[in-house]
């Protein structure tokens, strides 16, 4: 299983790092909190998020 940092995910999605943290705080993107300031996002969680977002966009 592969894990990514918030900056890595931001780069992949071409969004700001702060937006990735916002998605995690909202519960839209699952993340593993390693410490107060460190989190990791699994490849599976990223895929799940993208699938949900594709469905949400398609429904509009």
PDB file of N, CA and C in Angstrom:
ATOM      1  N   UNK A   1       0.843  -1.171   0.000  1.00  0.00           N
ATOM      2  CA  UNK A   1       0.000   0.000   0.000  1.00  0.00           C
ATOM      3  C   UNK A   1       0.892   1.239   0.000  1.00  0.00           C
ATOM      4  N   UNK A   2       0.513   2.203  -0.818  1.00  0.00           N
ATOM      5  CA  UNK A   2       1.299   3.420  -0.935  1.00  0.00           C
ATOM      6  C   UNK A   2       0.599   4.571  -0.216  1.00  0.00           C
ATOM      7  N   UNK A   3       1.393   5.434   0.418  1.00  0.00           N
ATOM      8  CA  UNK A   3       0.874   6.602   1.125  1.00  0.00           C
ATOM      9  C   UNK A   3       1.498   7.861   0.558  1.00  0.00           C
ATOM     10  N   UNK A   4       0.709   8.940   0.569  1.00  0.00           N
ATOM     11  CA  UNK A   4       1.161  10.228   0.054  1.00  0.00           C
ATOM     12  C   UNK A   4       1.033  11.296   1.131  1.00  0.00           C
ATOM     13  N   UNK A   5       1.848  12.329   1.016  1.00  0.00           N
ATOM     14  CA  UNK A   5       1.731  13.491   1.887  1.00  0.00           C
ATOM     15  C   UNK A   5       0.717  14.457   1.262  1.00  0.00           C
ATOM     16  N   UNK A   6       0.277  15.424   2.034  1.00  0.00           N
ATOM     17  CA  UNK A   6      -0.661  16.422   1.511  1.00  0.00           C
ATOM     18  C   UNK A   6      -0.066  17.195   0.323  1.00  0.00           C
ATOM     19  N   UNK A   7       1.206  17.607   0.390  1.00  0.00           N
ATOM     20  CA  UNK A   7       1.773  18.303  -0.769  1.00  0.00           C
ATOM     21  C   UNK A   7       1.827  17.420  -2.028  1.00  0.00           C
ATOM     22  N   UNK A   8       2.089  16.135  -1.859  1.00  0.00           N
ATOM     23  CA  UNK A   8       2.109  15.220  -3.010  1.00  0.00           C
ATOM     24  C   UNK A   8       0.722  15.101  -3.630  1.00  0.00           C
ATOM     25  N   UNK A   9      -0.301  14.980  -2.787  1.00  0.00           N
ATOM     26  CA  UNK A   9      -1.675  14.880  -3.279  1.00  0.00           C
ATOM     27  C   UNK A   9      -2.072  16.183  -3.963  1.00  0.00           C
ATOM     28  N   UNK A  10      -1.697  17.306  -3.376  1.00  0.00           N
ATOM     29  CA  UNK A  10      -2.005  18.607  -3.968  1.00  0.00           C
ATOM     30  C   UNK A  10      -1.398  18.724  -5.363  1.00  0.00           C
ATOM     31  N   UNK A  11      -0.178  18.267  -5.502  1.00  0.00           N
ATOM     32  CA  UNK A  11       0.500  18.324  -6.800  1.00  0.00           C
ATOM     33  C   UNK A  11      -0.211  17.432  -7.821  1.00  0.00           C
ATOM     34  N   UNK A  12      -0.619  16.231  -7.402  1.00  0.00           N
ATOM     35  CA  UNK A  12      -1.324  15.303  -8.300  1.00  0.00           C
ATOM     36  C   UNK A  12      -2.652  15.881  -8.768  1.00  0.00           C
ATOM     37  N   UNK A  13      -3.374  16.528  -7.836  1.00  0.00           N
ATOM     38  CA  UNK A  13      -4.700  17.068  -8.152  1.00  0.00           C
ATOM     39  C   UNK A  13      -4.635  18.488  -8.713  1.00  0.00           C
ATOM     40  N   UNK A  14      -3.433  19.057  -8.688  1.00  0.00           N
ATOM     41  CA  UNK A  14      -3.212  20.437  -9.148  1.00  0.00           C
ATOM     42  C   UNK A  14      -4.076  21.433  -8.375  1.00  0.00           C
ATOM     43  N   UNK A  15      -3.999  21.309  -7.057  1.00  0.00           N
ATOM     44  CA  UNK A  15      -4.696  22.221  -6.153  1.00  0.00           C
ATOM     45  C   UNK A  15      -3.703  22.682  -5.095  1.00  0.00           C
ATOM     46  N   UNK A  16      -4.126  23.638  -4.287  1.00  0.00           N
ATOM     47  CA  UNK A  16      -3.276  24.113  -3.189  1.00  0.00           C
ATOM     48  C   UNK A  16      -3.220  23.064  -2.082  1.00  0.00           C
ATOM     49  N   UNK A  17      -2.117  23.058  -1.390  1.00  0.00           N
ATOM     50  CA  UNK A  17      -1.934  22.149  -0.247  1.00  0.00           C
ATOM     51  C   UNK A  17      -3.010  22.406   0.809  1.00  0.00           C
ATOM     52  N   UNK A  18      -3.358  23.671   1.021  1.00  0.00           N
ATOM     53  CA  UNK A  18      -4.375  24.029   2.012  1.00  0.00           C
ATOM     54  C   UNK A  18      -5.721  23.397   1.667  1.00  0.00           C
ATOM     55  N   UNK A  19      -6.011  23.264   0.380  1.00  0.00           N
ATOM     56  CA  UNK A  19      -7.274  22.655  -0.040  1.00  0.00           C
ATOM     57  C   UNK A  19      -7.313  21.176   0.331  1.00  0.00           C
ATOM     58  N   UNK A  20      -6.186  20.505   0.224  1.00  0.00           N
ATOM     59  CA  UNK A  20      -6.104  19.083   0.603  1.00  0.00           C
ATOM     60  C   UNK A  20      -6.390  18.958   2.105  1.00  0.00           C
ATOM     61  N   UNK A  21      -5.787  19.829   2.911  1.00  0.00           N
ATOM     62  CA  UNK A  21      -6.036  19.805   4.350  1.00  0.00           C
ATOM     63  C   UNK A  21      -7.507  20.093   4.650  1.00  0.00           C
ATOM     64  N   UNK A  22      -8.104  20.988   3.880  1.00  0.00           N
ATOM     65  CA  UNK A  22      -9.519  21.315   4.031  1.00  0.00           C
ATOM     66  C   UNK A  22     -10.392  20.088   3.741  1.00  0.00           C
ATOM     67  N   UNK A  23     -10.075  19.362   2.676  1.00  0.00           N
ATOM     68  CA  UNK A  23     -10.822  18.147   2.328  1.00  0.00           C
ATOM     69  C   UNK A  23     -10.738  17.114   3.448  1.00  0.00           C
ATOM     70  N   UNK A  24      -9.574  16.985   4.043  1.00  0.00           N
ATOM     71  CA  UNK A  24      -9.382  16.045   5.154  1.00  0.00           C
ATOM     72  C   UNK A  24     -10.207  16.504   6.356  1.00  0.00           C
ATOM     73  N   UNK A  25     -10.151  17.791   6.678  1.00  0.00           N
ATOM     74  CA  UNK A  25     -10.893  18.322   7.828  1.00  0.00           C
ATOM     75  C   UNK A  25     -12.405  18.146   7.647  1.00  0.00           C
ATOM     76  N   UNK A  26     -12.879  18.261   6.408  1.00  0.00           N
ATOM     77  CA  UNK A  26     -14.301  18.100   6.108  1.00  0.00           C
ATOM     78  C   UNK A  26     -14.726  16.627   6.092  1.00  0.00           C
ATOM     79  N   UNK A  27     -13.749  15.737   6.100  1.00  0.00           N
ATOM     80  CA  UNK A  27     -14.060  14.312   6.060  1.00  0.00           C
ATOM     81  C   UNK A  27     -14.314  13.792   4.655  1.00  0.00           C
ATOM     82  N   UNK A  28     -14.062  14.605   3.658  1.00  0.00           N
ATOM     83  CA  UNK A  28     -14.273  14.182   2.263  1.00  0.00           C
ATOM     84  C   UNK A  28     -13.113  13.328   1.752  1.00  0.00           C
ATOM     85  N   UNK A  29     -11.943  13.514   2.351  1.00  0.00           N
ATOM     86  CA  UNK A  29     -10.754  12.747   1.986  1.00  0.00           C
ATOM     87  C   UNK A  29     -10.204  12.118   3.258  1.00  0.00           C
ATOM     88  N   UNK A  30     -10.155  10.799   3.287  1.00  0.00           N
ATOM     89  CA  UNK A  30      -9.668  10.092   4.477  1.00  0.00           C
ATOM     90  C   UNK A  30      -8.146  10.187   4.558  1.00  0.00           C
ATOM     91  N   UNK A  31      -7.666  10.365   5.783  1.00  0.00           N
ATOM     92  CA  UNK A  31      -6.223  10.460   6.004  1.00  0.00           C
ATOM     93  C   UNK A  31      -5.860   9.803   7.321  1.00  0.00           C
ATOM     94  N   UNK A  32      -4.644   9.331   7.393  1.00  0.00           N
ATOM     95  CA  UNK A  32      -4.095   8.732   8.600  1.00  0.00           C
ATOM     96  C   UNK A  32      -3.271   9.800   9.304  1.00  0.00           C
ATOM     97  N   UNK A  33      -3.666  10.152  10.519  1.00  0.00           N
ATOM     98  CA  UNK A  33      -2.957  11.180  11.264  1.00  0.00           C
ATOM     99  C   UNK A  33      -1.852  10.521  12.084  1.00  0.00           C
ATOM    100  N   UNK A  34      -0.612  10.794  11.727  1.00  0.00           N
ATOM    101  CA  UNK A  34       0.534  10.184  12.400  1.00  0.00           C
ATOM    102  C   UNK A  34       0.930  10.947  13.656  1.00  0.00           C
ATOM    103  N   UNK A  35       0.738  12.249  13.630  1.00  0.00           N
ATOM    104  CA  UNK A  35       1.032  13.094  14.790  1.00  0.00           C
ATOM    105  C   UNK A  35       0.234  14.385  14.633  1.00  0.00           C
ATOM    106  N   UNK A  36       0.509  15.322  15.497  1.00  0.00           N
ATOM    107  CA  UNK A  36      -0.206  16.610  15.455  1.00  0.00           C
ATOM    108  C   UNK A  36      -0.114  17.286  14.088  1.00  0.00           C
ATOM    109  N   UNK A  37       1.054  17.185  13.460  1.00  0.00           N
ATOM    110  CA  UNK A  37       1.279  17.912  12.206  1.00  0.00           C
ATOM    111  C   UNK A  37       1.552  17.026  11.001  1.00  0.00           C
ATOM    112  N   UNK A  38       1.459  15.721  11.175  1.00  0.00           N
ATOM    113  CA  UNK A  38       1.769  14.822  10.063  1.00  0.00           C
ATOM    114  C   UNK A  38       0.582  13.939   9.724  1.00  0.00           C
ATOM    115  N   UNK A  39       0.247  13.930   8.432  1.00  0.00           N
ATOM    116  CA  UNK A  39      -0.799  13.016   7.994  1.00  0.00           C
ATOM    117  C   UNK A  39      -0.381  12.373   6.682  1.00  0.00           C
ATOM    118  N   UNK A  40      -0.950  11.226   6.417  1.00  0.00           N
ATOM    119  CA  UNK A  40      -0.680  10.506   5.177  1.00  0.00           C
ATOM    120  C   UNK A  40      -2.000  10.077   4.572  1.00  0.00           C
ATOM    121  N   UNK A  41      -2.044  10.111   3.267  1.00  0.00           N
ATOM    122  CA  UNK A  41      -3.248   9.750   2.528  1.00  0.00           C
ATOM    123  C   UNK A  41      -2.919   8.513   1.703  1.00  0.00           C
ATOM    124  N   UNK A  42      -3.691   7.452   1.927  1.00  0.00           N
ATOM    125  CA  UNK A  42      -3.405   6.213   1.204  1.00  0.00           C
ATOM    126  C   UNK A  42      -3.880   6.334  -0.240  1.00  0.00           C
ATOM    127  N   UNK A  43      -3.268   5.540  -1.079  1.00  0.00           N
ATOM    128  CA  UNK A  43      -3.644   5.491  -2.490  1.00  0.00           C
ATOM    129  C   UNK A  43      -5.118   5.096  -2.614  1.00  0.00           C
ATOM    130  N   UNK A  44      -5.552   4.191  -1.775  1.00  0.00           N
ATOM    131  CA  UNK A  44      -6.943   3.726  -1.768  1.00  0.00           C
ATOM    132  C   UNK A  44      -7.899   4.862  -1.390  1.00  0.00           C
ATOM    133  N   UNK A  45      -7.543   5.655  -0.372  1.00  0.00           N
ATOM    134  CA  UNK A  45      -8.386   6.778   0.052  1.00  0.00           C
ATOM    135  C   UNK A  45      -8.480   7.820  -1.058  1.00  0.00           C
ATOM    136  N   UNK A  46      -7.382   8.032  -1.762  1.00  0.00           N
ATOM    137  CA  UNK A  46      -7.384   8.991  -2.868  1.00  0.00           C
ATOM    138  C   UNK A  46      -8.287   8.507  -4.001  1.00  0.00           C
ATOM    139  N   UNK A  47      -8.189   7.233  -4.322  1.00  0.00           N
ATOM    140  CA  UNK A  47      -9.060   6.658  -5.367  1.00  0.00           C
ATOM    141  C   UNK A  47     -10.530   6.770  -4.980  1.00  0.00           C
ATOM    142  N   UNK A  48     -10.835   6.465  -3.719  1.00  0.00           N
ATOM    143  CA  UNK A  48     -12.210   6.537  -3.214  1.00  0.00           C
ATOM    144  C   UNK A  48     -12.738   7.969  -3.316  1.00  0.00           C
ATOM    145  N   UNK A  49     -11.912   8.937  -2.933  1.00  0.00           N
ATOM    146  CA  UNK A  49     -12.300  10.342  -3.014  1.00  0.00           C
ATOM    147  C   UNK A  49     -12.604  10.731  -4.464  1.00  0.00           C
ATOM    148  N   UNK A  50     -11.731  10.355  -5.375  1.00  0.00           N
ATOM    149  CA  UNK A  50     -11.921  10.711  -6.786  1.00  0.00           C
ATOM    150  C   UNK A  50     -13.185  10.080  -7.353  1.00  0.00           C
ATOM    151  N   UNK A  51     -13.441   8.846  -6.964  1.00  0.00           N
ATOM    152  CA  UNK A  51     -14.647   8.158  -7.437  1.00  0.00           C
ATOM    153  C   UNK A  51     -15.912   8.879  -6.952  1.00  0.00           C
ATOM    154  N   UNK A  52     -15.909   9.259  -5.670  1.00  0.00           N
ATOM    155  CA  UNK A  52     -17.054   9.992  -5.096  1.00  0.00           C
ATOM    156  C   UNK A  52     -17.236  11.340  -5.791  1.00  0.00           C
ATOM    157  N   UNK A  53     -16.153  12.035  -6.026  1.00  0.00           N
ATOM    158  CA  UNK A  53     -16.230  13.358  -6.662  1.00  0.00           C
ATOM    159  C   UNK A  53     -16.708  13.254  -8.102  1.00  0.00           C
ATOM    160  N   UNK A  54     -16.279  12.221  -8.815  1.00  0.00           N
ATOM    161  CA  UNK A  54     -16.744  12.017 -10.190  1.00  0.00           C
ATOM    162  C   UNK A  54     -18.261  11.795 -10.192  1.00  0.00           C
ATOM    163  N   UNK A  55     -18.754  11.017  -9.234  1.00  0.00           N
ATOM    164  CA  UNK A  55     -20.181  10.763  -9.124  1.00  0.00           C
ATOM    165  C   UNK A  55     -20.951  12.023  -8.783  1.00  0.00           C
ATOM    166  N   UNK A  56     -20.362  12.844  -7.926  1.00  0.00           N
ATOM    167  CA  UNK A  56     -21.000  14.082  -7.505  1.00  0.00           C
ATOM    168  C   UNK A  56     -21.090  15.078  -8.661  1.00  0.00           C
ATOM    169  N   UNK A  57     -20.055  15.163  -9.455  1.00  0.00           N
ATOM    170  CA  UNK A  57     -20.033  16.065 -10.592  1.00  0.00           C
ATOM    171  C   UNK A  57     -20.991  15.580 -11.672  1.00  0.00           C
ATOM    172  N   UNK A  58     -21.023  14.279 -11.903  1.00  0.00           N
ATOM    173  CA  UNK A  58     -21.897  13.701 -12.921  1.00  0.00           C
ATOM    174  C   UNK A  58     -23.379  13.901 -12.559  1.00  0.00           C
ATOM    175  N   UNK A  59     -23.693  13.935 -11.258  1.00  0.00           N
ATOM    176  CA  UNK A  59     -25.076  14.084 -10.812  1.00  0.00           C
ATOM    177  C   UNK A  59     -25.590  15.513 -11.029  1.00  0.00           C
ATOM    178  N   UNK A  60     -24.683  16.469 -11.159  1.00  0.00           N
ATOM    179  CA  UNK A  60     -25.098  17.881 -11.346  1.00  0.00           C
ATOM    180  C   UNK A  60     -25.387  18.185 -12.747  1.00  0.00           C
TER     181      UNK A  60
END
